[in-house]
Protein backbone atom coordinates (compact mmCIF):
# COMPACT_ATOMS: atom_id res chain seq x y z
CA MET A 1 2.21 -22.77 -9.88
CA ALA A 2 -0.67 -20.99 -8.14
CA LEU A 3 0.25 -18.44 -5.50
CA ASP A 4 -1.56 -18.19 -2.20
CA PRO A 5 -3.83 -15.11 -1.87
CA LEU A 6 -1.37 -13.19 0.31
CA SER A 7 1.48 -13.73 -2.18
CA THR A 8 -0.80 -12.63 -5.01
CA THR A 9 -1.67 -9.46 -3.06
CA PHE A 10 1.97 -8.60 -2.34
CA ALA A 11 2.95 -9.32 -5.96
CA ALA A 12 0.23 -6.92 -7.12
CA LEU A 13 1.38 -4.28 -4.62
CA ALA A 14 5.01 -4.61 -5.75
CA ASP A 15 4.46 -2.43 -8.81
CA PRO A 16 4.40 1.38 -8.40
CA THR A 17 1.83 1.83 -11.18
CA ARG A 18 -0.58 -0.51 -9.45
CA ARG A 19 -0.01 1.22 -6.11
CA ALA A 20 -0.76 4.56 -7.80
CA ILE A 21 -3.97 3.12 -9.24
CA LEU A 22 -5.02 1.94 -5.77
CA ALA A 23 -4.18 5.35 -4.33
CA ARG A 24 -6.45 6.97 -6.92
CA LEU A 25 -9.29 4.56 -6.11
CA ILE A 26 -9.20 5.55 -2.44
CA SER A 27 -11.10 8.68 -3.46
CA GLY A 28 -13.79 6.71 -5.29
CA GLU A 29 -14.72 4.78 -8.41
CA ALA A 30 -13.01 5.59 -11.69
CA SER A 31 -13.15 4.42 -15.28
CA VAL A 32 -10.20 2.73 -16.96
CA THR A 33 -9.64 5.90 -19.00
CA GLU A 34 -9.57 8.02 -15.84
CA LEU A 35 -7.15 5.63 -14.18
CA ALA A 36 -4.91 5.61 -17.26
CA ALA A 37 -4.74 9.41 -17.61
CA PRO A 38 -1.72 10.11 -15.35
CA PHE A 39 0.42 7.36 -16.88
CA ASP A 40 2.59 7.48 -19.97
CA MET A 41 1.42 4.09 -21.23
CA THR A 42 -1.17 2.63 -23.52
CA LEU A 43 -4.68 1.78 -22.40
CA PRO A 44 -3.99 -1.96 -22.91
CA ALA A 45 -0.94 -1.68 -20.61
CA VAL A 46 -3.07 -0.07 -17.90
CA THR A 47 -5.71 -2.75 -18.45
CA LYS A 48 -3.06 -5.41 -17.75
CA HIS A 49 -2.26 -3.71 -14.44
CA LEU A 50 -5.97 -3.64 -13.61
CA LYS A 51 -6.27 -7.37 -14.33
CA VAL A 52 -3.42 -8.08 -11.88
CA LEU A 53 -5.19 -5.98 -9.24
CA GLN A 54 -8.47 -7.79 -9.94
CA ARG A 55 -6.86 -11.24 -9.68
CA ALA A 56 -5.45 -10.19 -6.30
CA GLY A 57 -8.94 -9.10 -5.21
CA LEU A 58 -7.76 -5.53 -4.63
CA ILE A 59 -10.21 -3.98 -7.08
CA SER A 60 -13.45 -4.93 -8.77
CA GLN A 61 -14.94 -3.67 -11.97
CA GLY A 62 -18.65 -3.07 -12.28
CA ARG A 63 -20.85 -2.48 -15.27
CA GLU A 64 -23.16 0.50 -15.60
CA ALA A 65 -24.33 0.79 -19.21
CA GLN A 66 -21.15 1.47 -21.21
CA TRP A 67 -19.22 2.61 -18.15
CA ARG A 68 -17.15 -0.03 -16.31
CA PRO A 69 -16.13 1.66 -13.05
CA CYS A 70 -13.27 0.24 -11.01
CA ARG A 71 -13.54 0.30 -7.24
CA LEU A 72 -11.23 -0.53 -4.39
CA GLU A 73 -11.88 -3.77 -2.49
CA ALA A 74 -10.60 -3.69 1.08
CA ARG A 75 -10.78 -7.42 1.85
CA ALA A 76 -7.46 -8.44 0.21
CA MET A 77 -5.71 -5.34 1.52
CA ARG A 78 -6.99 -6.17 5.00
CA ALA A 79 -5.39 -9.63 4.84
CA ALA A 80 -2.03 -8.04 3.95
CA ALA A 81 -2.37 -5.46 6.72
CA ASP A 82 -3.28 -8.17 9.23
CA TRP A 83 -0.22 -10.18 8.18
CA MET A 84 2.05 -7.14 8.61
CA GLU A 85 0.59 -6.04 11.97
CA PRO A 86 2.92 -8.05 14.25
CA TYR A 87 5.92 -6.68 12.35
CA ARG A 88 4.61 -3.13 12.64
CA LYS A 89 4.17 -3.56 16.38
CA GLN A 90 7.67 -4.97 16.74
CA TRP A 91 9.22 -2.06 14.83
CA GLU A 92 7.24 0.50 16.80
CA GLN A 93 8.47 -1.05 20.04
CA ARG A 94 12.05 -0.96 18.77
CA LEU A 95 11.72 2.64 17.68
CA ASP A 96 10.19 3.57 21.04
CA ARG A 97 13.16 1.97 22.82
CA LEU A 98 15.57 3.82 20.52
CA ASP A 99 13.74 7.07 21.23
CA ASP A 100 14.01 6.44 24.99
CA TYR A 101 17.70 5.64 24.66
CA LEU A 102 18.41 8.78 22.63
CA ARG A 103 16.43 10.93 25.05
CA GLU A 104 18.41 9.55 28.02
CA SER A 105 21.67 9.86 26.10
CA ASN A 106 20.95 13.53 25.36
CA LYS A 107 20.13 14.18 29.03
CA SER A 108 23.40 12.57 30.10
CA ALA A 109 25.37 14.58 27.53
CA ARG A 110 23.76 17.82 28.77
CA ARG A 111 24.61 16.98 32.39
CA VAL A 112 28.23 16.31 31.44
CA ARG A 113 28.46 19.63 29.55
CA HIS A 114 26.96 21.55 32.46
CA LYS A 115 29.43 20.08 34.93
CA LYS A 116 32.41 21.37 32.89
């Protein structure tokens, strides 16, 4: 069964190794060897993670002579961020209301203490 692009993106983002690889690529292109360096796993295992990220459209791999640099691709990440945006707004509004409530609650508690 083929997953829709958004499901493929979220499935790729579900793994902490893949998220770490994406975090590294924020600072620029890197080779597979460079991306594999911080992990305690084989190069083929890292390559499998890279293939998942490529299928999700989150990274691309170029070819410059013998060097095959990986680079971050924002398009798929943008689709995920766009999908999450209404939820982010809703949670921010809820947190703002909670902040207002706590602020008012603290003011009321201070007034009660001062009256005693």
